[in-house]
N, C-alpha and C. Protein backbone atom coordinates (compact mmCIF):
# COMPACT_ATOMS: atom_id res chain seq x y z
N MET A 1 0.84 -1.17 0.01
CA MET A 1 0.00 -0.01 0.01
C MET A 1 0.87 1.22 0.02
N GLU A 2 0.52 2.23 -0.86
CA GLU A 2 1.33 3.42 -0.97
C GLU A 2 1.02 4.39 0.19
N ASN A 3 1.99 5.22 0.48
CA ASN A 3 1.80 6.24 1.49
C ASN A 3 1.01 7.41 0.91
N LEU A 4 -0.24 7.62 1.32
CA LEU A 4 -1.08 8.65 0.80
C LEU A 4 -0.91 10.00 1.50
N VAL A 5 -0.20 10.00 2.58
CA VAL A 5 0.01 11.24 3.35
C VAL A 5 1.35 11.82 2.97
N SER A 6 1.35 13.09 2.61
CA SER A 6 2.60 13.73 2.29
C SER A 6 3.02 14.62 3.44
N SER A 7 4.28 14.87 3.55
CA SER A 7 4.79 15.67 4.62
C SER A 7 4.41 17.13 4.45
N ILE A 8 4.31 17.85 5.55
CA ILE A 8 3.96 19.27 5.50
C ILE A 8 5.18 20.04 5.05
N GLN A 9 4.98 20.90 4.08
CA GLN A 9 6.06 21.73 3.58
C GLN A 9 6.16 23.01 4.41
N PRO A 10 7.38 23.50 4.64
CA PRO A 10 7.52 24.73 5.42
C PRO A 10 6.98 25.92 4.60
N ILE A 11 6.44 26.89 5.33
CA ILE A 11 5.89 28.09 4.69
C ILE A 11 7.06 28.94 4.23
N GLN A 12 6.96 29.40 2.98
CA GLN A 12 7.99 30.25 2.42
C GLN A 12 7.72 31.70 2.82
N PRO A 13 8.74 32.45 3.11
CA PRO A 13 8.52 33.88 3.46
C PRO A 13 7.96 34.63 2.25
N MET A 14 7.16 35.64 2.57
CA MET A 14 6.60 36.47 1.50
C MET A 14 7.66 37.42 0.95
N THR A 15 7.62 37.62 -0.33
CA THR A 15 8.56 38.56 -0.93
C THR A 15 7.74 39.72 -1.52
N PHE A 16 8.26 40.89 -1.33
CA PHE A 16 7.60 42.10 -1.82
C PHE A 16 8.48 42.76 -2.86
N SER A 17 7.80 43.28 -3.88
CA SER A 17 8.58 43.96 -4.91
C SER A 17 8.84 45.39 -4.50
N LYS A 18 9.88 45.92 -5.05
CA LYS A 18 10.23 47.31 -4.78
C LYS A 18 9.33 48.23 -5.58
N ILE A 19 9.28 49.50 -5.21
CA ILE A 19 8.38 50.45 -5.84
C ILE A 19 8.67 50.56 -7.33
N GLY A 20 9.91 50.59 -7.75
CA GLY A 20 10.26 50.70 -9.15
C GLY A 20 9.81 49.48 -9.95
N GLU A 21 9.88 48.29 -9.32
CA GLU A 21 9.49 47.07 -10.04
C GLU A 21 7.99 47.04 -10.28
N THR A 22 7.19 47.58 -9.37
CA THR A 22 5.75 47.60 -9.57
C THR A 22 5.36 48.51 -10.72
N GLU A 23 6.05 49.63 -10.82
CA GLU A 23 5.77 50.57 -11.93
C GLU A 23 6.09 49.91 -13.25
N LYS A 24 7.16 49.15 -13.31
CA LYS A 24 7.55 48.51 -14.57
C LYS A 24 6.48 47.50 -14.98
N SER A 25 5.96 46.74 -14.01
CA SER A 25 4.94 45.74 -14.34
C SER A 25 3.65 46.42 -14.76
N ALA A 26 3.33 47.56 -14.19
CA ALA A 26 2.11 48.27 -14.58
C ALA A 26 2.27 48.84 -15.98
N GLU A 27 3.49 49.26 -16.35
CA GLU A 27 3.67 49.81 -17.68
C GLU A 27 3.63 48.72 -18.74
N SER A 28 4.02 47.51 -18.40
CA SER A 28 4.02 46.43 -19.37
C SER A 28 2.63 45.91 -19.68
N SER A 29 1.67 46.13 -18.77
CA SER A 29 0.30 45.68 -19.04
C SER A 29 -0.36 46.66 -20.01
N THR A 30 -1.41 46.14 -20.68
CA THR A 30 -2.13 46.93 -21.66
C THR A 30 -3.06 47.91 -20.95
N PRO A 31 -2.93 49.21 -21.24
CA PRO A 31 -3.81 50.15 -20.59
C PRO A 31 -5.28 49.97 -21.06
N PHE A 32 -6.17 50.30 -20.14
CA PHE A 32 -7.59 50.10 -20.46
C PHE A 32 -8.03 50.92 -21.65
N LEU A 33 -7.43 52.12 -21.79
CA LEU A 33 -7.79 52.96 -22.92
C LEU A 33 -7.55 52.27 -24.24
N ASN A 34 -6.45 51.54 -24.36
CA ASN A 34 -6.18 50.81 -25.60
C ASN A 34 -7.18 49.69 -25.83
N ILE A 35 -7.60 49.03 -24.78
CA ILE A 35 -8.57 47.96 -24.89
C ILE A 35 -9.91 48.52 -25.37
N LEU A 36 -10.30 49.67 -24.80
CA LEU A 36 -11.57 50.28 -25.20
C LEU A 36 -11.48 50.80 -26.63
N LYS A 37 -10.36 51.41 -26.99
CA LYS A 37 -10.22 51.89 -28.37
C LYS A 37 -10.28 50.74 -29.36
N ASP A 38 -9.64 49.64 -29.04
CA ASP A 38 -9.69 48.47 -29.90
C ASP A 38 -11.13 47.96 -30.09
N ALA A 39 -11.87 47.93 -28.98
CA ALA A 39 -13.26 47.45 -29.07
C ALA A 39 -14.09 48.39 -29.91
N VAL A 40 -13.90 49.69 -29.75
CA VAL A 40 -14.67 50.66 -30.55
C VAL A 40 -14.26 50.59 -32.01
N ASN A 41 -12.98 50.47 -32.27
CA ASN A 41 -12.50 50.36 -33.65
C ASN A 41 -13.05 49.09 -34.31
N GLU A 42 -13.06 48.00 -33.58
CA GLU A 42 -13.59 46.74 -34.15
C GLU A 42 -15.09 46.89 -34.46
N TYR A 43 -15.81 47.55 -33.56
CA TYR A 43 -17.23 47.78 -33.80
C TYR A 43 -17.42 48.66 -35.05
N THR A 44 -16.64 49.70 -35.16
CA THR A 44 -16.75 50.58 -36.28
C THR A 44 -16.52 49.87 -37.60
N SER A 45 -15.48 49.05 -37.67
CA SER A 45 -15.18 48.32 -38.90
C SER A 45 -16.27 47.31 -39.19
N LEU A 46 -16.75 46.61 -38.18
CA LEU A 46 -17.85 45.66 -38.39
C LEU A 46 -19.12 46.34 -38.81
N GLN A 47 -19.39 47.54 -38.27
CA GLN A 47 -20.58 48.26 -38.63
C GLN A 47 -20.53 48.70 -40.07
N LYS A 48 -19.35 49.11 -40.54
CA LYS A 48 -19.18 49.46 -41.95
C LYS A 48 -19.48 48.28 -42.87
N THR A 49 -19.03 47.10 -42.47
CA THR A 49 -19.32 45.89 -43.25
C THR A 49 -20.80 45.60 -43.26
N VAL A 50 -21.47 45.77 -42.12
CA VAL A 50 -22.90 45.54 -42.05
C VAL A 50 -23.65 46.55 -42.92
N ASP A 51 -23.19 47.80 -42.91
CA ASP A 51 -23.84 48.82 -43.76
C ASP A 51 -23.69 48.48 -45.25
N GLU A 52 -22.52 48.04 -45.64
CA GLU A 52 -22.29 47.63 -47.02
C GLU A 52 -23.19 46.43 -47.38
N ASP A 53 -23.25 45.47 -46.43
CA ASP A 53 -24.10 44.29 -46.69
C ASP A 53 -25.57 44.67 -46.78
N SER A 54 -26.00 45.60 -45.96
CA SER A 54 -27.41 46.05 -46.02
C SER A 54 -27.72 46.74 -47.33
N THR A 55 -26.78 47.56 -47.79
CA THR A 55 -26.97 48.23 -49.08
C THR A 55 -27.05 47.20 -50.21
N ALA A 56 -26.14 46.24 -50.18
CA ALA A 56 -26.14 45.20 -51.23
C ALA A 56 -27.43 44.36 -51.17
N LEU A 57 -27.91 44.12 -49.96
CA LEU A 57 -29.16 43.34 -49.83
C LEU A 57 -30.35 44.16 -50.36
N ALA A 58 -30.36 45.44 -50.06
CA ALA A 58 -31.48 46.30 -50.52
C ALA A 58 -31.48 46.41 -52.05
N LEU A 59 -30.29 46.44 -52.64
CA LEU A 59 -30.17 46.57 -54.09
C LEU A 59 -30.35 45.21 -54.82
N GLY A 60 -30.38 44.15 -54.05
CA GLY A 60 -30.53 42.84 -54.66
C GLY A 60 -29.22 42.25 -55.15
N ASP A 61 -28.09 42.79 -54.70
CA ASP A 61 -26.79 42.33 -55.08
C ASP A 61 -26.18 41.31 -54.14
N ALA A 62 -26.90 40.97 -53.08
CA ALA A 62 -26.37 40.06 -52.06
C ALA A 62 -26.48 38.63 -52.53
N ASP A 63 -25.42 37.89 -52.40
CA ASP A 63 -25.43 36.46 -52.77
C ASP A 63 -25.52 35.55 -51.58
N ASN A 64 -24.88 35.95 -50.48
CA ASN A 64 -24.73 35.09 -49.31
C ASN A 64 -25.47 35.69 -48.13
N LEU A 65 -26.74 35.33 -47.93
CA LEU A 65 -27.51 35.86 -46.84
C LEU A 65 -26.97 35.41 -45.48
N ALA A 66 -26.44 34.21 -45.41
CA ALA A 66 -25.90 33.71 -44.15
C ALA A 66 -24.75 34.55 -43.69
N GLN A 67 -23.87 34.97 -44.62
CA GLN A 67 -22.72 35.80 -44.24
C GLN A 67 -23.19 37.19 -43.78
N ILE A 68 -24.23 37.70 -44.36
CA ILE A 68 -24.78 38.99 -43.95
C ILE A 68 -25.29 38.90 -42.54
N GLN A 69 -25.96 37.81 -42.20
CA GLN A 69 -26.45 37.65 -40.84
C GLN A 69 -25.32 37.44 -39.85
N ILE A 70 -24.29 36.71 -40.24
CA ILE A 70 -23.13 36.50 -39.36
C ILE A 70 -22.44 37.82 -39.09
N ASP A 71 -22.25 38.65 -40.14
CA ASP A 71 -21.65 39.96 -39.97
C ASP A 71 -22.46 40.84 -39.03
N SER A 72 -23.78 40.74 -39.13
CA SER A 72 -24.67 41.51 -38.25
C SER A 72 -24.52 41.05 -36.82
N PHE A 73 -24.44 39.78 -36.58
CA PHE A 73 -24.27 39.25 -35.22
C PHE A 73 -22.90 39.66 -34.65
N LYS A 74 -21.87 39.68 -35.50
CA LYS A 74 -20.54 40.11 -35.05
C LYS A 74 -20.55 41.55 -34.62
N ALA A 75 -21.21 42.41 -35.41
CA ALA A 75 -21.30 43.83 -35.05
C ALA A 75 -22.08 44.02 -33.76
N GLU A 76 -23.14 43.25 -33.57
CA GLU A 76 -23.93 43.34 -32.35
C GLU A 76 -23.10 42.90 -31.12
N ALA A 77 -22.33 41.84 -31.28
CA ALA A 77 -21.47 41.37 -30.17
C ALA A 77 -20.38 42.38 -29.86
N ALA A 78 -19.82 43.04 -30.87
CA ALA A 78 -18.79 44.04 -30.65
C ALA A 78 -19.37 45.25 -29.92
N LEU A 79 -20.59 45.65 -30.28
CA LEU A 79 -21.25 46.75 -29.62
C LEU A 79 -21.52 46.41 -28.15
N GLN A 80 -22.00 45.20 -27.88
CA GLN A 80 -22.24 44.78 -26.53
C GLN A 80 -20.96 44.76 -25.71
N THR A 81 -19.86 44.35 -26.31
CA THR A 81 -18.57 44.32 -25.63
C THR A 81 -18.14 45.72 -25.25
N ALA A 82 -18.24 46.67 -26.17
CA ALA A 82 -17.86 48.05 -25.91
C ALA A 82 -18.75 48.66 -24.82
N VAL A 83 -20.04 48.36 -24.85
CA VAL A 83 -20.94 48.90 -23.83
C VAL A 83 -20.64 48.31 -22.46
N GLN A 84 -20.35 47.02 -22.41
CA GLN A 84 -20.00 46.37 -21.14
C GLN A 84 -18.71 46.92 -20.57
N LEU A 85 -17.71 47.14 -21.44
CA LEU A 85 -16.44 47.72 -20.97
C LEU A 85 -16.66 49.10 -20.35
N THR A 86 -17.40 49.93 -21.05
CA THR A 86 -17.62 51.28 -20.51
C THR A 86 -18.46 51.25 -19.22
N SER A 87 -19.43 50.42 -19.15
CA SER A 87 -20.25 50.35 -17.95
C SER A 87 -19.45 49.85 -16.75
N ARG A 88 -18.54 48.92 -17.00
CA ARG A 88 -17.70 48.43 -15.92
C ARG A 88 -16.74 49.50 -15.44
N VAL A 89 -16.25 50.30 -16.36
CA VAL A 89 -15.37 51.40 -15.98
C VAL A 89 -16.12 52.41 -15.13
N VAL A 90 -17.30 52.76 -15.56
CA VAL A 90 -18.10 53.72 -14.81
C VAL A 90 -18.43 53.19 -13.42
N ASN A 91 -18.77 51.90 -13.32
CA ASN A 91 -19.04 51.30 -12.02
C ASN A 91 -17.80 51.30 -11.13
N ALA A 92 -16.66 50.99 -11.71
CA ALA A 92 -15.40 51.01 -10.92
C ALA A 92 -15.11 52.41 -10.45
N TYR A 93 -15.30 53.41 -11.33
CA TYR A 93 -15.06 54.79 -10.96
C TYR A 93 -15.98 55.21 -9.80
N LYS A 94 -17.25 54.83 -9.87
CA LYS A 94 -18.19 55.13 -8.81
C LYS A 94 -17.77 54.50 -7.49
N GLU A 95 -17.32 53.26 -7.56
CA GLU A 95 -16.86 52.58 -6.34
C GLU A 95 -15.65 53.29 -5.73
N ILE A 96 -14.74 53.69 -6.59
CA ILE A 96 -13.54 54.39 -6.08
C ILE A 96 -13.93 55.72 -5.46
N MET A 97 -14.86 56.40 -6.07
CA MET A 97 -15.27 57.72 -5.54
C MET A 97 -16.01 57.57 -4.21
N GLN A 98 -16.64 56.44 -3.94
CA GLN A 98 -17.37 56.24 -2.69
C GLN A 98 -16.47 55.73 -1.57
N MET A 99 -15.23 55.42 -1.87
CA MET A 99 -14.33 54.91 -0.82
C MET A 99 -13.98 56.01 0.16
N ASN A 100 -13.93 55.62 1.42
CA ASN A 100 -13.48 56.57 2.46
C ASN A 100 -11.98 56.53 2.57
N ILE A 101 -11.40 57.70 2.64
CA ILE A 101 -9.94 57.76 2.74
C ILE A 101 -9.56 58.16 4.15
């Protein structure tokens, strides 16, 4: 029969980064502004595609109705993503403003 109990490992001391190291790691992460800009740019490009598809559909030049619907769903999802990102930022800002210092 195997030994199912393992020995207790000693607790390792906590290590803290220096102030300069924390700033470097914060700089290496993607700023929220870039994430929001990317989401808005993606929505804008998808919306242009949907507008072109709608015009082609209205003129009778559309060949692939399934692709038009897929593009429409993509634009809708991109819009929902951008709205969710902004609402989360507003909620976080409100929480920070309500904190007692």
